[in-house]
Amino acid sequence: MADSLLSDGVKVNKLWKGVIAVVGIMTTLVIYGLLQEKIMRVPYGSNKEFFKHSLFLVFCNRITTSAVSAATLVASKKALNPVAPVYKYCLISVSNILTTTCQYEALKYVSFPVQTLAKCAKMIPVMVWGTIIMQKRYKGMDYFLALLVTLGCSIFILFPAGSEISPYSRGRENTVWGVSLMLGYLGFDGFTSTFQDKLFKGYDMEIHNQIFYTTLCSCILSFTGLVLQGHLLPAIDFVFRHNDCLFDIALLSTVATASQFFISYTIRTFGALSFAAVMTTRQLVSIVLSCVWFAHPLSWEQWIGAVIVFGSLYARNLLKSTPSKLPPSEHTQNGASSPMKQNP
């Protein structure tokens, strides 16, 4: 009887953890998505100036997250010392900077609904990196659904509504460059989440510790990039001339910081592929809100592509709701049975 009650308590606890993760990611990232589109695609001031310094946004986001995570570690009296070798934090940091920069830059050339639907293909690079980095094995159905997602994303990108125009440039080269940036985003983002997963399983690491060192490295790297490119002072001048842009960036950094904690918590508790599944509904909601808020038209081909993508992802989630148990030897071989068995 006691064992049964304990088991029920564990299940309820895990359910609440899942609810917290889903609500946290949905809320912060939906707001984050709308704000990044506003900053990168909507002009500011009477002169209709566009904010073009995407690396400055990365710097603001990361310095805020770094400060909050450091304060959390100090307040909870946990060690500030790095648990893993610093270069491993730097690997995640570099990949994360490239991910975010590609994401912001892509908004100059493709609409937010196109970018967001393309993010649904996140499970594909996660599976590739999971196979390479963590020696994970996936079923044939996973690969089949991944191909369907790719097909749906391709239809959505290749058949845009005729009236959808980028504020920066026109023409097909506009779409090609935007798609190239999104491919870069997907590759780097898949590596980031998978290597985070491996780092958590290889070391007894607190979430705040990993976030602090990763974002600290990101601050240094993004600041260096801004100085070398000569974009730091122009970006500061822009936000001081446009106070509404300063407010948007501050709010963006706040929700980005909150999302980092929810994302790292989800990856550590449920794994990188589960995190990719949680993102599906958030992306659907973000597309709908963006189409309503910023009046993005969708062609009928894009609606078909969206149905294929989200139908495939929800079918995958349904199939994964009753996973088969692996034999003990195979479970250990995949590196999931003992997070502390070996360092990544």
C-alpha atoms as a PDB file:
ATOM      1  CA  MET A   1       0.000   0.000   0.000  1.00  0.00           C
ATOM      2  CA  ALA A   2       2.818   2.367   0.926  1.00  0.00           C
ATOM      3  CA  ASP A   3       4.646   1.532  -2.315  1.00  0.00           C
ATOM      4  CA  SER A   4       1.480   2.242  -4.301  1.00  0.00           C
ATOM      5  CA  LEU A   5       1.023   5.630  -2.632  1.00  0.00           C
ATOM      6  CA  LEU A   6       4.675   6.464  -3.218  1.00  0.00           C
ATOM      7  CA  SER A   7       4.342   5.516  -6.890  1.00  0.00           C
ATOM      8  CA  ASP A   8       1.225   7.685  -7.260  1.00  0.00           C
ATOM      9  CA  GLY A   9       3.036  10.564  -5.588  1.00  0.00           C
ATOM     10  CA  VAL A  10       5.944  10.250  -8.015  1.00  0.00           C
ATOM     11  CA  LYS A  11       3.549  10.228 -10.989  1.00  0.00           C
ATOM     12  CA  VAL A  12       1.703  13.319  -9.719  1.00  0.00           C
ATOM     13  CA  ASN A  13       5.013  15.081  -9.095  1.00  0.00           C
ATOM     14  CA  LYS A  14       6.202  14.299 -12.629  1.00  0.00           C
ATOM     15  CA  LEU A  15       2.853  15.456 -14.034  1.00  0.00           C
ATOM     16  CA  TRP A  16       3.185  18.810 -12.289  1.00  0.00           C
ATOM     17  CA  LYS A  17       6.750  19.138 -13.552  1.00  0.00           C
ATOM     18  CA  GLY A  18       5.446  18.589 -17.061  1.00  0.00           C
ATOM     19  CA  VAL A  19       2.684  21.178 -16.594  1.00  0.00           C
ATOM     20  CA  ILE A  20       5.199  23.746 -15.304  1.00  0.00           C
ATOM     21  CA  ALA A  21       7.522  23.075 -18.245  1.00  0.00           C
ATOM     22  CA  VAL A  22       4.752  23.354 -20.874  1.00  0.00           C
ATOM     23  CA  VAL A  23       3.125  26.494 -19.440  1.00  0.00           C
ATOM     24  CA  GLY A  24       6.494  28.167 -18.884  1.00  0.00           C
ATOM     25  CA  ILE A  25       7.777  27.467 -22.387  1.00  0.00           C
ATOM     26  CA  MET A  26       4.468  28.358 -24.052  1.00  0.00           C
ATOM     27  CA  THR A  27       4.083  31.695 -22.259  1.00  0.00           C
ATOM     28  CA  THR A  28       7.653  32.974 -22.494  1.00  0.00           C
ATOM     29  CA  LEU A  29       8.364  31.841 -26.049  1.00  0.00           C
ATOM     30  CA  VAL A  30       5.063  33.048 -27.536  1.00  0.00           C
ATOM     31  CA  ILE A  31       5.775  36.524 -26.128  1.00  0.00           C
ATOM     32  CA  TYR A  32       9.404  36.198 -27.225  1.00  0.00           C
ATOM     33  CA  GLY A  33       8.369  35.304 -30.774  1.00  0.00           C
ATOM     34  CA  LEU A  34       5.990  38.235 -31.152  1.00  0.00           C
ATOM     35  CA  LEU A  35       8.571  40.659 -29.748  1.00  0.00           C
ATOM     36  CA  GLN A  36      11.405  39.492 -31.981  1.00  0.00           C
ATOM     37  CA  GLU A  37       9.207  39.921 -35.047  1.00  0.00           C
ATOM     38  CA  LYS A  38       8.216  43.405 -33.916  1.00  0.00           C
ATOM     39  CA  ILE A  39      11.852  44.433 -33.287  1.00  0.00           C
ATOM     40  CA  MET A  40      13.274  43.025 -36.524  1.00  0.00           C
ATOM     41  CA  ARG A  41      10.415  43.727 -38.968  1.00  0.00           C
ATOM     42  CA  VAL A  42       8.479  46.768 -37.701  1.00  0.00           C
ATOM     43  CA  PRO A  43      10.098  50.233 -38.193  1.00  0.00           C
ATOM     44  CA  TYR A  44      10.585  52.644 -35.295  1.00  0.00           C
ATOM     45  CA  GLY A  45      10.059  56.392 -35.148  1.00  0.00           C
ATOM     46  CA  SER A  46       8.742  58.900 -37.651  1.00  0.00           C
ATOM     47  CA  ASN A  47      11.614  58.127 -40.039  1.00  0.00           C
ATOM     48  CA  LYS A  48      10.590  54.440 -40.142  1.00  0.00           C
ATOM     49  CA  GLU A  49      14.017  53.101 -39.127  1.00  0.00           C
ATOM     50  CA  PHE A  50      14.596  49.356 -38.836  1.00  0.00           C
ATOM     51  CA  PHE A  51      16.663  47.828 -36.054  1.00  0.00           C
ATOM     52  CA  LYS A  52      19.370  45.765 -37.801  1.00  0.00           C
ATOM     53  CA  HIS A  53      21.803  44.749 -35.040  1.00  0.00           C
ATOM     54  CA  SER A  54      20.743  41.194 -34.232  1.00  0.00           C
ATOM     55  CA  LEU A  55      23.937  40.405 -32.294  1.00  0.00           C
ATOM     56  CA  PHE A  56      23.083  43.244 -29.889  1.00  0.00           C
ATOM     57  CA  LEU A  57      19.837  41.447 -29.081  1.00  0.00           C
ATOM     58  CA  VAL A  58      21.821  38.277 -28.359  1.00  0.00           C
ATOM     59  CA  PHE A  59      24.147  40.241 -26.057  1.00  0.00           C
ATOM     60  CA  CYS A  60      21.258  41.848 -24.126  1.00  0.00           C
ATOM     61  CA  ASN A  61      19.491  38.509 -23.747  1.00  0.00           C
ATOM     62  CA  ARG A  62      22.576  36.681 -22.527  1.00  0.00           C
ATOM     63  CA  ILE A  63      23.829  39.328 -20.104  1.00  0.00           C
ATOM     64  CA  THR A  64      20.395  39.412 -18.458  1.00  0.00           C
ATOM     65  CA  THR A  65      20.255  35.627 -18.204  1.00  0.00           C
ATOM     66  CA  SER A  66      23.822  35.453 -16.866  1.00  0.00           C
ATOM     67  CA  ALA A  67      23.098  38.020 -14.141  1.00  0.00           C
ATOM     68  CA  VAL A  68      19.889  36.277 -13.041  1.00  0.00           C
ATOM     69  CA  SER A  69      21.509  32.822 -12.960  1.00  0.00           C
ATOM     70  CA  ALA A  70      24.491  34.158 -10.961  1.00  0.00           C
ATOM     71  CA  ALA A  71      22.130  35.802  -8.464  1.00  0.00           C
ATOM     72  CA  THR A  72      20.170  32.552  -8.172  1.00  0.00           C
ATOM     73  CA  LEU A  73      23.324  30.549  -7.465  1.00  0.00           C
ATOM     74  CA  VAL A  74      24.466  33.031  -4.801  1.00  0.00           C
ATOM     75  CA  ALA A  75      21.020  33.252  -3.186  1.00  0.00           C
ATOM     76  CA  SER A  76      20.709  29.463  -3.001  1.00  0.00           C
ATOM     77  CA  LYS A  77      24.300  29.205  -1.673  1.00  0.00           C
ATOM     78  CA  LYS A  78      25.340  26.889  -4.470  1.00  0.00           C
ATOM     79  CA  ALA A  79      28.833  26.741  -5.885  1.00  0.00           C
ATOM     80  CA  LEU A  80      29.761  29.117  -8.678  1.00  0.00           C
ATOM     81  CA  ASN A  81      32.625  26.869  -9.721  1.00  0.00           C
ATOM     82  CA  PRO A  82      32.211  25.171 -13.123  1.00  0.00           C
ATOM     83  CA  VAL A  83      31.187  21.538 -12.861  1.00  0.00           C
ATOM     84  CA  ALA A  84      32.290  20.603 -16.375  1.00  0.00           C
ATOM     85  CA  PRO A  85      35.384  21.796 -18.283  1.00  0.00           C
ATOM     86  CA  VAL A  86      34.880  25.410 -19.390  1.00  0.00           C
ATOM     87  CA  TYR A  87      35.388  24.559 -23.066  1.00  0.00           C
ATOM     88  CA  LYS A  88      32.231  22.432 -22.984  1.00  0.00           C
ATOM     89  CA  TYR A  89      30.196  25.407 -21.786  1.00  0.00           C
ATOM     90  CA  CYS A  90      31.823  27.424 -24.582  1.00  0.00           C
ATOM     91  CA  LEU A  91      30.767  24.861 -27.187  1.00  0.00           C
ATOM     92  CA  ILE A  92      27.131  25.277 -26.154  1.00  0.00           C
ATOM     93  CA  SER A  93      27.611  29.041 -26.012  1.00  0.00           C
ATOM     94  CA  VAL A  94      29.036  29.344 -29.540  1.00  0.00           C
ATOM     95  CA  SER A  95      26.316  27.103 -30.943  1.00  0.00           C
ATOM     96  CA  ASN A  96      23.632  29.050 -29.071  1.00  0.00           C
ATOM     97  CA  ILE A  97      24.911  32.413 -30.351  1.00  0.00           C
ATOM     98  CA  LEU A  98      24.928  31.128 -33.930  1.00  0.00           C
ATOM     99  CA  THR A  99      21.424  29.701 -33.411  1.00  0.00           C
ATOM    100  CA  THR A 100      19.979  32.967 -32.123  1.00  0.00           C
ATOM    101  CA  THR A 101      21.771  35.140 -34.680  1.00  0.00           C
ATOM    102  CA  CYS A 102      20.483  32.990 -37.561  1.00  0.00           C
ATOM    103  CA  GLN A 103      17.005  33.225 -36.052  1.00  0.00           C
ATOM    104  CA  TYR A 104      17.008  37.035 -35.838  1.00  0.00           C
ATOM    105  CA  GLU A 105      18.658  37.540 -39.229  1.00  0.00           C
ATOM    106  CA  ALA A 106      16.186  35.184 -40.934  1.00  0.00           C
ATOM    107  CA  LEU A 107      13.329  37.486 -39.917  1.00  0.00           C
ATOM    108  CA  LYS A 108      14.754  40.093 -42.281  1.00  0.00           C
ATOM    109  CA  TYR A 109      14.063  37.780 -45.231  1.00  0.00           C
ATOM    110  CA  VAL A 110      11.181  35.463 -44.301  1.00  0.00           C
ATOM    111  CA  SER A 111       7.996  36.046 -42.330  1.00  0.00           C
ATOM    112  CA  PHE A 112       7.609  34.868 -38.754  1.00  0.00           C
ATOM    113  CA  PRO A 113       5.059  32.138 -39.655  1.00  0.00           C
ATOM    114  CA  VAL A 114       7.537  30.717 -42.215  1.00  0.00           C
ATOM    115  CA  GLN A 115      10.355  30.840 -39.669  1.00  0.00           C
ATOM    116  CA  THR A 116       8.245  29.299 -36.923  1.00  0.00           C
ATOM    117  CA  LEU A 117       6.967  26.431 -39.054  1.00  0.00           C
ATOM    118  CA  ALA A 118      10.520  25.722 -40.186  1.00  0.00           C
ATOM    119  CA  LYS A 119      11.421  25.354 -36.505  1.00  0.00           C
ATOM    120  CA  CYS A 120       9.063  22.384 -36.369  1.00  0.00           C
ATOM    121  CA  ALA A 121      11.750  20.485 -38.266  1.00  0.00           C
ATOM    122  CA  LYS A 122      13.787  20.801 -35.057  1.00  0.00           C
ATOM    123  CA  MET A 123      13.306  17.075 -34.381  1.00  0.00           C
ATOM    124  CA  ILE A 124      15.346  16.208 -37.485  1.00  0.00           C
ATOM    125  CA  PRO A 125      18.676  17.763 -36.379  1.00  0.00           C
ATOM    126  CA  VAL A 126      17.984  16.595 -32.810  1.00  0.00           C
ATOM    127  CA  MET A 127      17.767  13.017 -34.110  1.00  0.00           C
ATOM    128  CA  VAL A 128      20.910  13.449 -36.222  1.00  0.00           C
ATOM    129  CA  TRP A 129      22.947  14.973 -33.397  1.00  0.00           C
ATOM    130  CA  GLY A 130      21.491  12.470 -30.912  1.00  0.00           C
ATOM    131  CA  THR A 131      22.776   9.636 -33.100  1.00  0.00           C
ATOM    132  CA  ILE A 132      26.212  11.230 -33.517  1.00  0.00           C
ATOM    133  CA  ILE A 133      26.807  12.594 -30.014  1.00  0.00           C
ATOM    134  CA  MET A 134      24.862  10.229 -27.737  1.00  0.00           C
ATOM    135  CA  GLN A 135      24.674   7.094 -29.908  1.00  0.00           C
ATOM    136  CA  LYS A 136      20.879   7.065 -29.608  1.00  0.00           C
ATOM    137  CA  ARG A 137      18.781   4.831 -31.834  1.00  0.00           C
ATOM    138  CA  TYR A 138      15.431   5.864 -33.287  1.00  0.00           C
ATOM    139  CA  LYS A 139      12.669   3.815 -34.843  1.00  0.00           C
ATOM    140  CA  GLY A 140      11.727   3.791 -38.510  1.00  0.00           C
ATOM    141  CA  MET A 141       8.487   5.634 -37.694  1.00  0.00           C
ATOM    142  CA  ASP A 142      10.524   8.512 -36.238  1.00  0.00           C
ATOM    143  CA  TYR A 143      12.394   8.914 -39.513  1.00  0.00           C
ATOM    144  CA  PHE A 144       9.166   8.614 -41.540  1.00  0.00           C
ATOM    145  CA  LEU A 145       7.464  11.352 -39.507  1.00  0.00           C
ATOM    146  CA  ALA A 146      10.601  13.482 -39.779  1.00  0.00           C
ATOM    147  CA  LEU A 147      10.380  13.205 -43.579  1.00  0.00           C
ATOM    148  CA  LEU A 148       6.719  14.247 -43.459  1.00  0.00           C
ATOM    149  CA  VAL A 149       7.644  17.278 -41.362  1.00  0.00           C
ATOM    150  CA  THR A 150      10.334  18.181 -43.898  1.00  0.00           C
ATOM    151  CA  LEU A 151       7.813  17.847 -46.743  1.00  0.00           C
ATOM    152  CA  GLY A 152       5.277  20.054 -44.957  1.00  0.00           C
ATOM    153  CA  CYS A 153       7.910  22.702 -44.174  1.00  0.00           C
ATOM    154  CA  SER A 154       9.093  22.683 -47.791  1.00  0.00           C
ATOM    155  CA  ILE A 155       5.548  23.238 -49.089  1.00  0.00           C
ATOM    156  CA  PHE A 156       4.999  26.060 -46.594  1.00  0.00           C
ATOM    157  CA  ILE A 157       8.233  27.833 -47.598  1.00  0.00           C
ATOM    158  CA  LEU A 158       8.033  27.305 -51.368  1.00  0.00           C
ATOM    159  CA  PHE A 159       4.439  28.512 -51.816  1.00  0.00           C
ATOM    160  CA  PRO A 160       4.147  31.837 -49.952  1.00  0.00           C
ATOM    161  CA  ALA A 161       1.177  34.150 -50.325  1.00  0.00           C
ATOM    162  CA  GLY A 162       1.747  36.665 -53.103  1.00  0.00           C
ATOM    163  CA  SER A 163       1.288  39.727 -50.895  1.00  0.00           C
ATOM    164  CA  GLU A 164       3.853  38.645 -48.270  1.00  0.00           C
ATOM    165  CA  ILE A 165       6.813  41.003 -48.769  1.00  0.00           C
ATOM    166  CA  SER A 166       9.979  41.362 -46.710  1.00  0.00           C
ATOM    167  CA  PRO A 167      10.583  44.872 -45.355  1.00  0.00           C
ATOM    168  CA  TYR A 168      14.264  44.582 -46.316  1.00  0.00           C
ATOM    169  CA  SER A 169      14.293  43.256 -49.896  1.00  0.00           C
ATOM    170  CA  ARG A 170      12.247  41.541 -52.564  1.00  0.00           C
ATOM    171  CA  GLY A 171      12.617  38.584 -54.884  1.00  0.00           C
ATOM    172  CA  ARG A 172      13.387  34.881 -54.670  1.00  0.00           C
ATOM    173  CA  GLU A 173      16.978  35.506 -53.511  1.00  0.00           C
ATOM    174  CA  ASN A 174      15.309  36.947 -50.437  1.00  0.00           C
ATOM    175  CA  THR A 175      13.654  33.575 -49.694  1.00  0.00           C
ATOM    176  CA  VAL A 176      16.785  31.562 -50.514  1.00  0.00           C
ATOM    177  CA  TRP A 177      18.899  33.535 -48.047  1.00  0.00           C
ATOM    178  CA  GLY A 178      16.180  33.334 -45.408  1.00  0.00           C
ATOM    179  CA  VAL A 179      15.871  29.551 -45.845  1.00  0.00           C
ATOM    180  CA  SER A 180      19.667  29.214 -45.646  1.00  0.00           C
ATOM    181  CA  LEU A 181      19.663  31.066 -42.334  1.00  0.00           C
ATOM    182  CA  MET A 182      16.866  28.820 -41.058  1.00  0.00           C
ATOM    183  CA  LEU A 183      18.850  25.713 -42.021  1.00  0.00           C
ATOM    184  CA  GLY A 184      21.759  27.140 -40.039  1.00  0.00           C
ATOM    185  CA  TYR A 185      19.403  27.770 -37.130  1.00  0.00           C
ATOM    186  CA  LEU A 186      18.108  24.190 -37.172  1.00  0.00           C
ATOM    187  CA  GLY A 187      21.575  22.643 -37.323  1.00  0.00           C
ATOM    188  CA  PHE A 188      23.057  24.750 -34.526  1.00  0.00           C
ATOM    189  CA  ASP A 189      19.926  24.509 -32.361  1.00  0.00           C
ATOM    190  CA  GLY A 190      19.843  20.719 -32.669  1.00  0.00           C
ATOM    191  CA  PHE A 191      23.469  20.546 -31.544  1.00  0.00           C
ATOM    192  CA  THR A 192      22.819  22.944 -28.626  1.00  0.00           C
ATOM    193  CA  SER A 193      19.930  21.003 -27.086  1.00  0.00           C
ATOM    194  CA  THR A 194      21.556  17.594 -27.666  1.00  0.00           C
ATOM    195  CA  PHE A 195      24.906  18.641 -26.169  1.00  0.00           C
ATOM    196  CA  GLN A 196      23.057  20.182 -23.200  1.00  0.00           C
ATOM    197  CA  ASP A 197      21.331  16.824 -22.727  1.00  0.00           C
ATOM    198  CA  LYS A 198      24.689  15.036 -22.813  1.00  0.00           C
ATOM    199  CA  LEU A 199      26.243  17.515 -20.383  1.00  0.00           C
ATOM    200  CA  PHE A 200      23.439  17.043 -17.853  1.00  0.00           C
ATOM    201  CA  LYS A 201      23.743  13.257 -18.082  1.00  0.00           C
ATOM    202  CA  GLY A 202      27.520  13.284 -17.815  1.00  0.00           C
ATOM    203  CA  TYR A 203      27.848  15.581 -14.799  1.00  0.00           C
ATOM    204  CA  ASP A 204      25.946  16.201 -11.579  1.00  0.00           C
ATOM    205  CA  MET A 205      25.118  19.699 -12.774  1.00  0.00           C
ATOM    206  CA  GLU A 206      22.642  22.261 -11.478  1.00  0.00           C
ATOM    207  CA  ILE A 207      20.519  23.988 -14.113  1.00  0.00           C
ATOM    208  CA  HIS A 208      21.621  27.449 -12.945  1.00  0.00           C
ATOM    209  CA  ASN A 209      25.287  26.456 -13.074  1.00  0.00           C
ATOM    210  CA  GLN A 210      25.018  25.387 -16.700  1.00  0.00           C
ATOM    211  CA  ILE A 211      23.018  28.468 -17.666  1.00  0.00           C
ATOM    212  CA  PHE A 212      25.433  30.829 -15.898  1.00  0.00           C
ATOM    213  CA  TYR A 213      28.601  29.589 -17.592  1.00  0.00           C
ATOM    214  CA  THR A 214      26.964  29.156 -20.996  1.00  0.00           C
ATOM    215  CA  THR A 215      25.466  32.659 -21.002  1.00  0.00           C
ATOM    216  CA  LEU A 216      28.648  34.189 -19.528  1.00  0.00           C
ATOM    217  CA  CYS A 217      30.610  32.794 -22.464  1.00  0.00           C
ATOM    218  CA  SER A 218      27.879  34.080 -24.795  1.00  0.00           C
ATOM    219  CA  CYS A 219      28.167  37.576 -23.291  1.00  0.00           C
ATOM    220  CA  ILE A 220      31.899  37.682 -23.900  1.00  0.00           C
ATOM    221  CA  LEU A 221      31.644  36.314 -27.435  1.00  0.00           C
ATOM    222  CA  SER A 222      28.704  38.495 -28.531  1.00  0.00           C
ATOM    223  CA  PHE A 223      30.270  41.637 -27.022  1.00  0.00           C
ATOM    224  CA  THR A 224      33.517  40.882 -28.842  1.00  0.00           C
ATOM    225  CA  GLY A 225      31.601  40.378 -32.085  1.00  0.00           C
ATOM    226  CA  LEU A 226      29.782  43.712 -31.679  1.00  0.00           C
ATOM    227  CA  VAL A 227      33.038  45.579 -31.065  1.00  0.00           C
ATOM    228  CA  LEU A 228      34.874  43.943 -33.959  1.00  0.00           C
ATOM    229  CA  GLN A 229      31.988  44.621 -36.367  1.00  0.00           C
ATOM    230  CA  GLY A 230      31.588  48.203 -35.143  1.00  0.00           C
ATOM    231  CA  HIS A 231      27.912  47.634 -34.315  1.00  0.00           C
ATOM    232  CA  LEU A 232      27.962  48.310 -30.560  1.00  0.00           C
ATOM    233  CA  LEU A 233      27.747  52.116 -30.612  1.00  0.00           C
ATOM    234  CA  PRO A 234      25.214  52.304 -33.496  1.00  0.00           C
ATOM    235  CA  ALA A 235      22.964  49.828 -31.643  1.00  0.00           C
ATOM    236  CA  ILE A 236      23.187  51.831 -28.401  1.00  0.00           C
ATOM    237  CA  ASP A 237      22.495  55.043 -30.306  1.00  0.00           C
ATOM    238  CA  PHE A 238      19.419  53.487 -31.941  1.00  0.00           C
ATOM    239  CA  VAL A 239      17.805  52.345 -28.680  1.00  0.00           C
ATOM    240  CA  PHE A 240      18.455  55.713 -27.020  1.00  0.00           C
ATOM    241  CA  ARG A 241      16.771  57.509 -29.933  1.00  0.00           C
ATOM    242  CA  HIS A 242      13.832  55.076 -29.857  1.00  0.00           C
ATOM    243  CA  ASN A 243      12.690  54.441 -26.297  1.00  0.00           C
ATOM    244  CA  ASP A 244       9.980  52.044 -27.430  1.00  0.00           C
ATOM    245  CA  CYS A 245      12.704  49.859 -28.975  1.00  0.00           C
ATOM    246  CA  LEU A 246      14.604  49.967 -25.671  1.00  0.00           C
ATOM    247  CA  PHE A 247      11.460  48.789 -23.868  1.00  0.00           C
ATOM    248  CA  ASP A 248      10.915  45.993 -26.409  1.00  0.00           C
ATOM    249  CA  ILE A 249      14.516  44.778 -26.035  1.00  0.00           C
ATOM    250  CA  ALA A 250      14.271  44.875 -22.224  1.00  0.00           C
ATOM    251  CA  LEU A 251      11.056  42.839 -22.304  1.00  0.00           C
ATOM    252  CA  LEU A 252      12.551  40.479 -24.888  1.00  0.00           C
ATOM    253  CA  SER A 253      15.577  39.887 -22.639  1.00  0.00           C
ATOM    254  CA  THR A 254      13.302  39.233 -19.662  1.00  0.00           C
ATOM    255  CA  VAL A 255      11.192  36.579 -21.360  1.00  0.00           C
ATOM    256  CA  ALA A 256      14.290  35.130 -23.064  1.00  0.00           C
ATOM    257  CA  THR A 257      15.895  34.726 -19.630  1.00  0.00           C
ATOM    258  CA  ALA A 258      12.809  33.023 -18.234  1.00  0.00           C
ATOM    259  CA  SER A 259      12.614  30.750 -21.281  1.00  0.00           C
ATOM    260  CA  GLN A 260      16.255  29.671 -20.830  1.00  0.00           C
ATOM    261  CA  PHE A 261      15.450  28.329 -17.370  1.00  0.00           C
ATOM    262  CA  PHE A 262      12.336  26.531 -18.593  1.00  0.00           C
ATOM    263  CA  ILE A 263      14.200  25.084 -21.588  1.00  0.00           C
ATOM    264  CA  SER A 264      17.152  23.821 -19.534  1.00  0.00           C
ATOM    265  CA  TYR A 265      14.749  22.416 -16.922  1.00  0.00           C
ATOM    266  CA  THR A 266      12.776  20.587 -19.606  1.00  0.00           C
ATOM    267  CA  ILE A 267      15.866  19.173 -21.330  1.00  0.00           C
ATOM    268  CA  ARG A 268      17.320  17.951 -18.044  1.00  0.00           C
ATOM    269  CA  THR A 269      14.049  16.447 -16.776  1.00  0.00           C
ATOM    270  CA  PHE A 270      12.570  15.032 -19.991  1.00  0.00           C
ATOM    271  CA  GLY A 271      15.380  15.012 -22.614  1.00  0.00           C
ATOM    272  CA  ALA A 272      16.060  16.895 -25.868  1.00  0.00           C
ATOM    273  CA  LEU A 273      13.528  15.034 -28.024  1.00  0.00           C
ATOM    274  CA  SER A 274      10.750  15.567 -25.485  1.00  0.00           C
ATOM    275  CA  PHE A 275      11.630  19.257 -25.476  1.00  0.00           C
ATOM    276  CA  ALA A 276      11.224  19.293 -29.272  1.00  0.00           C
ATOM    277  CA  ALA A 277       7.755  17.771 -28.843  1.00  0.00           C
ATOM    278  CA  VAL A 278       6.743  20.370 -26.223  1.00  0.00           C
ATOM    279  CA  MET A 279       7.638  23.125 -28.686  1.00  0.00           C
ATOM    280  CA  THR A 280       5.093  21.925 -31.273  1.00  0.00           C
ATOM    281  CA  THR A 281       1.983  23.477 -29.718  1.00  0.00           C
ATOM    282  CA  ARG A 282       3.863  26.667 -28.886  1.00  0.00           C
ATOM    283  CA  GLN A 283       4.831  27.045 -32.532  1.00  0.00           C
ATOM    284  CA  LEU A 284       1.253  26.502 -33.709  1.00  0.00           C
ATOM    285  CA  VAL A 285      -0.033  29.155 -31.291  1.00  0.00           C
ATOM    286  CA  SER A 286       2.762  31.545 -32.326  1.00  0.00           C
ATOM    287  CA  ILE A 287       1.891  31.191 -36.035  1.00  0.00           C
ATOM    288  CA  VAL A 288      -1.797  31.890 -35.396  1.00  0.00           C
ATOM    289  CA  LEU A 289      -1.067  34.921 -33.198  1.00  0.00           C
ATOM    290  CA  SER A 290       1.481  36.309 -35.671  1.00  0.00           C
ATOM    291  CA  CYS A 291      -0.950  35.973 -38.590  1.00  0.00           C
ATOM    292  CA  VAL A 292      -3.608  37.821 -36.590  1.00  0.00           C
ATOM    293  CA  TRP A 293      -1.359  40.449 -34.957  1.00  0.00           C
ATOM    294  CA  PHE A 294       0.836  41.300 -37.972  1.00  0.00           C
ATOM    295  CA  ALA A 295      -1.705  40.437 -40.711  1.00  0.00           C
ATOM    296  CA  HIS A 296       0.362  37.747 -42.481  1.00  0.00           C
ATOM    297  CA  PRO A 297      -1.617  36.161 -45.344  1.00  0.00           C
ATOM    298  CA  LEU A 298      -1.313  32.394 -45.860  1.00  0.00           C
ATOM    299  CA  SER A 299      -1.819  30.668 -49.209  1.00  0.00           C
ATOM    300  CA  TRP A 300      -3.870  27.454 -49.424  1.00  0.00           C
ATOM    301  CA  GLU A 301      -0.649  25.526 -50.102  1.00  0.00           C
ATOM    302  CA  GLN A 302       0.765  26.871 -46.849  1.00  0.00           C
ATOM    303  CA  TRP A 303      -2.318  25.680 -44.976  1.00  0.00           C
ATOM    304  CA  ILE A 304      -1.764  22.198 -46.441  1.00  0.00           C
ATOM    305  CA  GLY A 305       1.907  22.318 -45.417  1.00  0.00           C
ATOM    306  CA  ALA A 306       0.973  23.389 -41.894  1.00  0.00           C
ATOM    307  CA  VAL A 307      -1.552  20.546 -41.586  1.00  0.00           C
ATOM    308  CA  ILE A 308       1.084  18.016 -42.731  1.00  0.00           C
ATOM    309  CA  VAL A 309       3.669  19.352 -40.248  1.00  0.00           C
ATOM    310  CA  PHE A 310       1.484  19.587 -37.164  1.00  0.00           C
ATOM    311  CA  GLY A 311      -0.426  16.425 -38.022  1.00  0.00           C
ATOM    312  CA  SER A 312       2.868  14.519 -38.256  1.00  0.00           C
ATOM    313  CA  LEU A 313       4.188  15.964 -35.003  1.00  0.00           C
ATOM    314  CA  TYR A 314       1.009  15.278 -33.060  1.00  0.00           C
ATOM    315  CA  ALA A 315       0.875  11.742 -34.506  1.00  0.00           C
ATOM    316  CA  ARG A 316       4.441  11.223 -33.328  1.00  0.00           C
ATOM    317  CA  ASN A 317       3.572  12.456 -29.847  1.00  0.00           C
ATOM    318  CA  LEU A 318       0.598  10.078 -29.751  1.00  0.00           C
ATOM    319  CA  LEU A 319       2.765   7.122 -30.798  1.00  0.00           C
ATOM    320  CA  LYS A 320       5.364   8.066 -28.185  1.00  0.00           C
ATOM    321  CA  SER A 321       2.796   8.194 -25.370  1.00  0.00           C
ATOM    322  CA  THR A 322       3.268   4.444 -24.764  1.00  0.00           C
ATOM    323  CA  PRO A 323       7.009   3.835 -25.375  1.00  0.00           C
ATOM    324  CA  SER A 324       8.298   0.294 -25.411  1.00  0.00           C
ATOM    325  CA  LYS A 325      10.756  -0.727 -22.698  1.00  0.00           C
ATOM    326  CA  LEU A 326      14.300  -1.491 -23.733  1.00  0.00           C
ATOM    327  CA  PRO A 327      16.199  -4.500 -22.415  1.00  0.00           C
ATOM    328  CA  PRO A 328      18.545  -3.563 -19.534  1.00  0.00           C
ATOM    329  CA  SER A 329      21.713  -4.032 -21.583  1.00  0.00           C
ATOM    330  CA  GLU A 330      20.467  -1.924 -24.487  1.00  0.00           C
ATOM    331  CA  HIS A 331      19.125   0.731 -22.101  1.00  0.00           C
ATOM    332  CA  THR A 332      22.539   1.077 -20.524  1.00  0.00           C
ATOM    333  CA  GLN A 333      24.239   1.141 -23.908  1.00  0.00           C
ATOM    334  CA  ASN A 334      22.145   4.110 -24.985  1.00  0.00           C
ATOM    335  CA  GLY A 335      23.506   6.024 -22.004  1.00  0.00           C
ATOM    336  CA  ALA A 336      20.126   6.768 -20.420  1.00  0.00           C
ATOM    337  CA  SER A 337      20.142   4.413 -17.447  1.00  0.00           C
ATOM    338  CA  SER A 338      22.966   6.051 -15.524  1.00  0.00           C
ATOM    339  CA  PRO A 339      23.468   9.785 -16.081  1.00  0.00           C
ATOM    340  CA  MET A 340      26.721   9.658 -14.099  1.00  0.00           C
ATOM    341  CA  LYS A 341      28.153   6.612 -15.817  1.00  0.00           C
ATOM    342  CA  GLN A 342      30.627   8.485 -17.993  1.00  0.00           C
ATOM    343  CA  ASN A 343      31.535  12.036 -18.892  1.00  0.00           C
ATOM    344  CA  PRO A 344      30.555  13.322 -22.328  1.00  0.00           C
END
